[in-house]
PDB file of N, CA and C in Angstrom:
ATOM      1  N   MET A   1     120.661 176.238 223.903  1.00  0.00           N
ATOM      2  CA  MET A   1     120.559 176.056 222.463  1.00  0.00           C
ATOM      3  C   MET A   1     120.596 174.541 222.181  1.00  0.00           C
ATOM      4  N   THR A   2     119.852 174.097 221.205  1.00  0.00           N
ATOM      5  CA  THR A   2     119.776 172.667 220.852  1.00  0.00           C
ATOM      6  C   THR A   2     120.856 172.352 219.805  1.00  0.00           C
ATOM      7  N   LYS A   3     120.956 171.074 219.434  1.00  0.00           N
ATOM      8  CA  LYS A   3     121.914 170.639 218.407  1.00  0.00           C
ATOM      9  C   LYS A   3     121.647 171.278 217.058  1.00  0.00           C
ATOM     10  N   THR A   4     120.380 171.715 216.843  1.00  0.00           N
ATOM     11  CA  THR A   4     120.049 172.337 215.548  1.00  0.00           C
ATOM     12  C   THR A   4     120.401 173.797 215.510  1.00  0.00           C
ATOM     13  N   GLY A   5     120.865 174.332 216.682  1.00  0.00           N
ATOM     14  CA  GLY A   5     121.189 175.758 216.725  1.00  0.00           C
ATOM     15  C   GLY A   5     119.987 176.624 217.100  1.00  0.00           C
ATOM     16  N   MET A   6     118.783 175.966 217.283  1.00  0.00           N
ATOM     17  CA  MET A   6     117.599 176.705 217.619  1.00  0.00           C
ATOM     18  C   MET A   6     117.453 176.732 219.164  1.00  0.00           C
ATOM     19  N   VAL A   7     116.952 177.834 219.640  1.00  0.00           N
ATOM     20  CA  VAL A   7     116.671 177.984 221.048  1.00  0.00           C
ATOM     21  C   VAL A   7     115.270 177.397 221.343  1.00  0.00           C
ATOM     22  N   PRO A   8     115.162 176.490 222.339  1.00  0.00           N
ATOM     23  CA  PRO A   8     113.827 175.939 222.617  1.00  0.00           C
ATOM     24  C   PRO A   8     112.835 177.011 223.034  1.00  0.00           C
ATOM     25  N   ALA A   9     111.600 176.846 222.630  1.00  0.00           N
ATOM     26  CA  ALA A   9     110.554 177.824 222.986  1.00  0.00           C
ATOM     27  C   ALA A   9     110.051 177.592 224.402  1.00  0.00           C
ATOM     28  N   GLY A  10     109.804 178.647 225.126  1.00  0.00           N
ATOM     29  CA  GLY A  10     109.242 178.531 226.460  1.00  0.00           C
ATOM     30  C   GLY A  10     107.709 178.412 226.349  1.00  0.00           C
ATOM     31  N   GLY A  11     107.046 178.173 227.497  1.00  0.00           N
ATOM     32  CA  GLY A  11     105.622 178.064 227.501  1.00  0.00           C
ATOM     33  C   GLY A  11     104.893 179.295 226.981  1.00  0.00           C
ATOM     34  N   PHE A  12     105.552 180.429 227.085  1.00  0.00           N
ATOM     35  CA  PHE A  12     104.938 181.663 226.605  1.00  0.00           C
ATOM     36  C   PHE A  12     104.838 181.722 225.085  1.00  0.00           C
ATOM     37  N   ASN A  13     105.511 180.785 224.371  1.00  0.00           N
ATOM     38  CA  ASN A  13     105.416 180.706 222.911  1.00  0.00           C
ATOM     39  C   ASN A  13     104.543 179.547 222.434  1.00  0.00           C
ATOM     40  N   ALA A  14     103.770 178.936 223.352  1.00  0.00           N
ATOM     41  CA  ALA A  14     102.929 177.802 222.998  1.00  0.00           C
ATOM     42  C   ALA A  14     101.868 178.246 221.985  1.00  0.00           C
ATOM     43  N   ASP A  15     101.482 177.344 221.110  1.00  0.00           N
ATOM     44  CA  ASP A  15     100.449 177.703 220.113  1.00  0.00           C
ATOM     45  C   ASP A  15      99.014 177.567 220.665  1.00  0.00           C
ATOM     46  N   HIS A  16      98.838 176.855 221.802  1.00  0.00           N
ATOM     47  CA  HIS A  16      97.524 176.803 222.479  1.00  0.00           C
ATOM     48  C   HIS A  16      97.747 176.329 223.917  1.00  0.00           C
ATOM     49  N   GLU A  17      96.704 176.538 224.734  1.00  0.00           N
ATOM     50  CA  GLU A  17      96.740 176.093 226.122  1.00  0.00           C
ATOM     51  C   GLU A  17      95.638 175.071 226.343  1.00  0.00           C
ATOM     52  N   LEU A  18      95.921 174.033 227.110  1.00  0.00           N
ATOM     53  CA  LEU A  18      94.883 173.072 227.499  1.00  0.00           C
ATOM     54  C   LEU A  18      94.032 173.664 228.613  1.00  0.00           C
ATOM     55  N   PHE A  19      94.653 174.330 229.571  1.00  0.00           N
ATOM     56  CA  PHE A  19      93.984 175.035 230.632  1.00  0.00           C
ATOM     57  C   PHE A  19      94.911 176.083 231.203  1.00  0.00           C
ATOM     58  N   ASN A  20      94.342 177.042 231.898  1.00  0.00           N
ATOM     59  CA  ASN A  20      95.124 178.147 232.425  1.00  0.00           C
ATOM     60  C   ASN A  20      94.703 178.322 233.881  1.00  0.00           C
ATOM     61  N   THR A  21      95.655 178.142 234.786  1.00  0.00           N
ATOM     62  CA  THR A  21      95.389 178.283 236.210  1.00  0.00           C
ATOM     63  C   THR A  21      95.833 179.609 236.770  1.00  0.00           C
ATOM     64  N   ARG A  22      96.319 180.518 235.911  1.00  0.00           N
ATOM     65  CA  ARG A  22      96.742 181.827 236.386  1.00  0.00           C
ATOM     66  C   ARG A  22      95.514 182.633 236.813  1.00  0.00           C
ATOM     67  N   ILE A  23      95.733 183.420 237.889  1.00  0.00           N
ATOM     68  CA  ILE A  23      94.701 184.318 238.373  1.00  0.00           C
ATOM     69  C   ILE A  23      95.187 185.741 238.128  1.00  0.00           C
ATOM     70  N   PRO A  24      94.491 186.534 237.347  1.00  0.00           N
ATOM     71  CA  PRO A  24      94.916 187.893 237.052  1.00  0.00           C
ATOM     72  C   PRO A  24      94.953 188.746 238.314  1.00  0.00           C
ATOM     73  N   PRO A  25      95.757 189.784 238.315  1.00  0.00           N
ATOM     74  CA  PRO A  25      95.809 190.672 239.475  1.00  0.00           C
ATOM     75  C   PRO A  25      94.435 191.231 239.818  1.00  0.00           C
ATOM     76  N   ARG A  26      94.183 191.303 241.131  1.00  0.00           N
ATOM     77  CA  ARG A  26      92.940 191.828 241.674  1.00  0.00           C
ATOM     78  C   ARG A  26      91.687 191.044 241.263  1.00  0.00           C
ATOM     79  N   GLU A  27      91.866 189.845 240.807  1.00  0.00           N
ATOM     80  CA  GLU A  27      90.738 188.969 240.401  1.00  0.00           C
ATOM     81  C   GLU A  27      90.625 187.821 241.403  1.00  0.00           C
ATOM     82  N   THR A  28      89.514 187.130 241.372  1.00  0.00           N
ATOM     83  CA  THR A  28      89.317 185.928 242.194  1.00  0.00           C
ATOM     84  C   THR A  28      89.060 184.747 241.312  1.00  0.00           C
ATOM     85  N   ASP A  29      89.161 183.541 241.891  1.00  0.00           N
ATOM     86  CA  ASP A  29      88.888 182.332 241.155  1.00  0.00           C
ATOM     87  C   ASP A  29      88.126 181.395 242.067  1.00  0.00           C
ATOM     88  N   HIS A  30      87.102 180.787 241.523  1.00  0.00           N
ATOM     89  CA  HIS A  30      86.336 179.780 242.239  1.00  0.00           C
ATOM     90  C   HIS A  30      86.378 178.524 241.382  1.00  0.00           C
ATOM     91  N   SER A  31      87.082 177.524 241.794  1.00  0.00           N
ATOM     92  CA  SER A  31      87.237 176.286 241.005  1.00  0.00           C
ATOM     93  C   SER A  31      86.678 175.106 241.826  1.00  0.00           C
ATOM     94  N   ARG A  32      86.213 174.122 241.109  1.00  0.00           N
ATOM     95  CA  ARG A  32      85.752 172.886 241.737  1.00  0.00           C
ATOM     96  C   ARG A  32      86.596 171.747 241.198  1.00  0.00           C
ATOM     97  N   PHE A  33      86.976 170.846 242.083  1.00  0.00           N
ATOM     98  CA  PHE A  33      87.761 169.700 241.741  1.00  0.00           C
ATOM     99  C   PHE A  33      87.036 168.464 242.255  1.00  0.00           C
ATOM    100  N   HIS A  34      86.979 167.425 241.455  1.00  0.00           N
ATOM    101  CA  HIS A  34      86.323 166.215 241.838  1.00  0.00           C
ATOM    102  C   HIS A  34      87.321 165.073 241.859  1.00  0.00           C
ATOM    103  N   PHE A  35      87.309 164.276 242.908  1.00  0.00           N
ATOM    104  CA  PHE A  35      88.254 163.195 243.101  1.00  0.00           C
ATOM    105  C   PHE A  35      87.495 161.920 243.416  1.00  0.00           C
ATOM    106  N   SER A  36      87.972 160.790 242.929  1.00  0.00           N
ATOM    107  CA  SER A  36      87.455 159.510 243.296  1.00  0.00           C
ATOM    108  C   SER A  36      88.264 159.029 244.494  1.00  0.00           C
ATOM    109  N   LEU A  37      87.560 158.703 245.580  1.00  0.00           N
ATOM    110  CA  LEU A  37      88.232 158.291 246.792  1.00  0.00           C
ATOM    111  C   LEU A  37      87.946 156.857 247.109  1.00  0.00           C
ATOM    112  N   PRO A  38      88.952 156.102 247.534  1.00  0.00           N
ATOM    113  CA  PRO A  38      88.719 154.705 247.906  1.00  0.00           C
ATOM    114  C   PRO A  38      88.051 154.619 249.279  1.00  0.00           C
ATOM    115  N   GLY A  39      87.042 153.736 249.423  1.00  0.00           N
ATOM    116  CA  GLY A  39      86.435 153.522 250.717  1.00  0.00           C
ATOM    117  C   GLY A  39      85.635 154.690 251.235  1.00  0.00           C
ATOM    118  N   ASN A  40      85.234 154.552 252.494  1.00  0.00           N
ATOM    119  CA  ASN A  40      84.465 155.602 253.160  1.00  0.00           C
ATOM    120  C   ASN A  40      85.278 156.186 254.291  1.00  0.00           C
ATOM    121  N   GLY A  41      85.037 157.426 254.643  1.00  0.00           N
ATOM    122  CA  GLY A  41      85.780 158.024 255.763  1.00  0.00           C
ATOM    123  C   GLY A  41      85.980 159.500 255.557  1.00  0.00           C
ATOM    124  N   ALA A  42      86.583 160.086 256.554  1.00  0.00           N
ATOM    125  CA  ALA A  42      86.820 161.522 256.523  1.00  0.00           C
ATOM    126  C   ALA A  42      87.969 161.868 255.552  1.00  0.00           C
ATOM    127  N   VAL A  43      87.865 163.018 254.985  1.00  0.00           N
ATOM    128  CA  VAL A  43      88.886 163.533 254.056  1.00  0.00           C
ATOM    129  C   VAL A  43      89.326 164.889 254.502  1.00  0.00           C
ATOM    130  N   THR A  44      90.603 165.155 254.507  1.00  0.00           N
ATOM    131  CA  THR A  44      91.139 166.463 254.827  1.00  0.00           C
ATOM    132  C   THR A  44      91.819 167.045 253.604  1.00  0.00           C
ATOM    133  N   VAL A  45      91.508 168.301 253.299  1.00  0.00           N
ATOM    134  CA  VAL A  45      92.058 168.989 252.174  1.00  0.00           C
ATOM    135  C   VAL A  45      92.940 170.144 252.692  1.00  0.00           C
ATOM    136  N   ASP A  46      94.163 170.216 252.243  1.00  0.00           N
ATOM    137  CA  ASP A  46      95.065 171.290 252.603  1.00  0.00           C
ATOM    138  C   ASP A  46      95.350 172.080 251.327  1.00  0.00           C
ATOM    139  N   ALA A  47      94.962 173.341 251.280  1.00  0.00           N
ATOM    140  CA  ALA A  47      95.123 174.167 250.073  1.00  0.00           C
ATOM    141  C   ALA A  47      96.037 175.350 250.384  1.00  0.00           C
ATOM    142  N   ARG A  48      96.922 175.635 249.413  1.00  0.00           N
ATOM    143  CA  ARG A  48      97.822 176.792 249.522  1.00  0.00           C
ATOM    144  C   ARG A  48      97.793 177.522 248.183  1.00  0.00           C
ATOM    145  N   LEU A  49      97.786 178.848 248.266  1.00  0.00           N
ATOM    146  CA  LEU A  49      97.923 179.695 247.077  1.00  0.00           C
ATOM    147  C   LEU A  49      99.333 180.247 247.124  1.00  0.00           C
ATOM    148  N   ILE A  50     100.136 179.886 246.097  1.00  0.00           N
ATOM    149  CA  ILE A  50     101.552 180.255 246.079  1.00  0.00           C
ATOM    150  C   ILE A  50     101.796 181.159 244.891  1.00  0.00           C
ATOM    151  N   TYR A  51     102.488 182.253 245.120  1.00  0.00           N
ATOM    152  CA  TYR A  51     102.981 183.120 244.027  1.00  0.00           C
ATOM    153  C   TYR A  51     104.404 182.742 243.693  1.00  0.00           C
ATOM    154  N   ARG A  52     104.675 182.520 242.410  1.00  0.00           N
ATOM    155  CA  ARG A  52     106.049 182.225 241.960  1.00  0.00           C
ATOM    156  C   ARG A  52     106.400 183.229 240.880  1.00  0.00           C
ATOM    157  N   TRP A  53     107.648 183.649 240.870  1.00  0.00           N
ATOM    158  CA  TRP A  53     108.160 184.624 239.869  1.00  0.00           C
ATOM    159  C   TRP A  53     108.207 184.032 238.484  1.00  0.00           C
ATOM    160  N   THR A  54     108.368 182.711 238.391  1.00  0.00           N
ATOM    161  CA  THR A  54     108.347 182.007 237.094  1.00  0.00           C
ATOM    162  C   THR A  54     107.852 180.599 237.351  1.00  0.00           C
ATOM    163  N   PHE A  55     107.575 179.847 236.268  1.00  0.00           N
ATOM    164  CA  PHE A  55     107.050 178.512 236.550  1.00  0.00           C
ATOM    165  C   PHE A  55     108.192 177.591 237.077  1.00  0.00           C
ATOM    166  N   LYS A  56     107.819 176.694 237.992  1.00  0.00           N
ATOM    167  CA  LYS A  56     108.782 175.924 238.740  1.00  0.00           C
ATOM    168  C   LYS A  56     109.741 175.081 237.874  1.00  0.00           C
ATOM    169  N   PRO A  57     109.304 174.382 236.812  1.00  0.00           N
ATOM    170  CA  PRO A  57     110.248 173.642 236.024  1.00  0.00           C
ATOM    171  C   PRO A  57     111.386 174.480 235.442  1.00  0.00           C
ATOM    172  N   MET A  58     111.084 175.726 235.044  1.00  0.00           N
ATOM    173  CA  MET A  58     112.140 176.597 234.535  1.00  0.00           C
ATOM    174  C   MET A  58     113.119 176.996 235.620  1.00  0.00           C
ATOM    175  N   ALA A  59     112.581 177.351 236.803  1.00  0.00           N
ATOM    176  CA  ALA A  59     113.436 177.745 237.922  1.00  0.00           C
ATOM    177  C   ALA A  59     114.348 176.569 238.342  1.00  0.00           C
ATOM    178  N   ASP A  60     113.784 175.349 238.366  1.00  0.00           N
ATOM    179  CA  ASP A  60     114.582 174.175 238.729  1.00  0.00           C
ATOM    180  C   ASP A  60     115.672 173.930 237.694  1.00  0.00           C
ATOM    181  N   LYS A  61     115.323 173.996 236.390  1.00  0.00           N
ATOM    182  CA  LYS A  61     116.282 173.730 235.343  1.00  0.00           C
ATOM    183  C   LYS A  61     117.440 174.728 235.353  1.00  0.00           C
ATOM    184  N   LYS A  62     117.127 175.967 235.622  1.00  0.00           N
ATOM    185  CA  LYS A  62     118.150 177.045 235.657  1.00  0.00           C
ATOM    186  C   LYS A  62     118.813 177.180 237.023  1.00  0.00           C
ATOM    187  N   GLU A  63     118.355 176.316 237.962  1.00  0.00           N
ATOM    188  CA  GLU A  63     118.896 176.344 239.318  1.00  0.00           C
ATOM    189  C   GLU A  63     118.775 177.678 239.985  1.00  0.00           C
ATOM    190  N   TRP A  64     117.626 178.356 239.744  1.00  0.00           N
ATOM    191  CA  TRP A  64     117.343 179.636 240.386  1.00  0.00           C
ATOM    192  C   TRP A  64     116.813 179.361 241.784  1.00  0.00           C
ATOM    193  N   ALA A  65     117.355 179.994 242.767  1.00  0.00           N
ATOM    194  CA  ALA A  65     116.909 179.813 244.157  1.00  0.00           C
ATOM    195  C   ALA A  65     115.846 180.878 244.466  1.00  0.00           C
ATOM    196  N   LEU A  66     114.627 180.666 243.957  1.00  0.00           N
ATOM    197  CA  LEU A  66     113.542 181.639 244.158  1.00  0.00           C
ATOM    198  C   LEU A  66     112.607 181.094 245.214  1.00  0.00           C
ATOM    199  N   ASP A  67     112.323 181.891 246.215  1.00  0.00           N
ATOM    200  CA  ASP A  67     111.380 181.475 247.261  1.00  0.00           C
ATOM    201  C   ASP A  67     109.952 181.619 246.787  1.00  0.00           C
ATOM    202  N   ASP A  68     109.127 180.585 247.130  1.00  0.00           N
ATOM    203  CA  ASP A  68     107.689 180.699 246.900  1.00  0.00           C
ATOM    204  C   ASP A  68     107.122 181.726 247.909  1.00  0.00           C
ATOM    205  N   ILE A  69     106.149 182.468 247.482  1.00  0.00           N
ATOM    206  CA  ILE A  69     105.499 183.439 248.348  1.00  0.00           C
ATOM    207  C   ILE A  69     104.107 182.910 248.647  1.00  0.00           C
ATOM    208  N   GLU A  70     103.871 182.456 249.847  1.00  0.00           N
ATOM    209  CA  GLU A  70     102.586 181.889 250.220  1.00  0.00           C
ATOM    210  C   GLU A  70     101.582 183.029 250.447  1.00  0.00           C
ATOM    211  N   MET A  71     100.556 183.042 249.622  1.00  0.00           N
ATOM    212  CA  MET A  71      99.518 184.083 249.687  1.00  0.00           C
ATOM    213  C   MET A  71      98.386 183.713 250.639  1.00  0.00           C
ATOM    214  N   LEU A  72      98.060 182.422 250.639  1.00  0.00           N
ATOM    215  CA  LEU A  72      96.946 181.911 251.487  1.00  0.00           C
ATOM    216  C   LEU A  72      97.174 180.448 251.780  1.00  0.00           C
ATOM    217  N   HIS A  73      96.802 180.036 252.977  1.00  0.00           N
ATOM    218  CA  HIS A  73      96.898 178.641 253.367  1.00  0.00           C
ATOM    219  C   HIS A  73      95.685 178.287 254.218  1.00  0.00           C
ATOM    220  N   GLU A  74      94.862 177.349 253.737  1.00  0.00           N
ATOM    221  CA  GLU A  74      93.658 176.928 254.443  1.00  0.00           C
ATOM    222  C   GLU A  74      93.597 175.442 254.540  1.00  0.00           C
TER     223      GLU A  74
END
């Protein structure tokens, strides 16, 4: 609770989203990301798909010890 007596709103009460990275159950996602890289040379990309029970900042703030569930690692 804040000094005003109001409970802060969670992300689920936001009035709009800039972007949404959630993947619905049984759905797939194909995203492209573009990066500016310094110089020339080989680049290695390590990607992981992680399932979390709640968003990480909330779990950290509440000191919840929730394990990430790694769904895919390439």
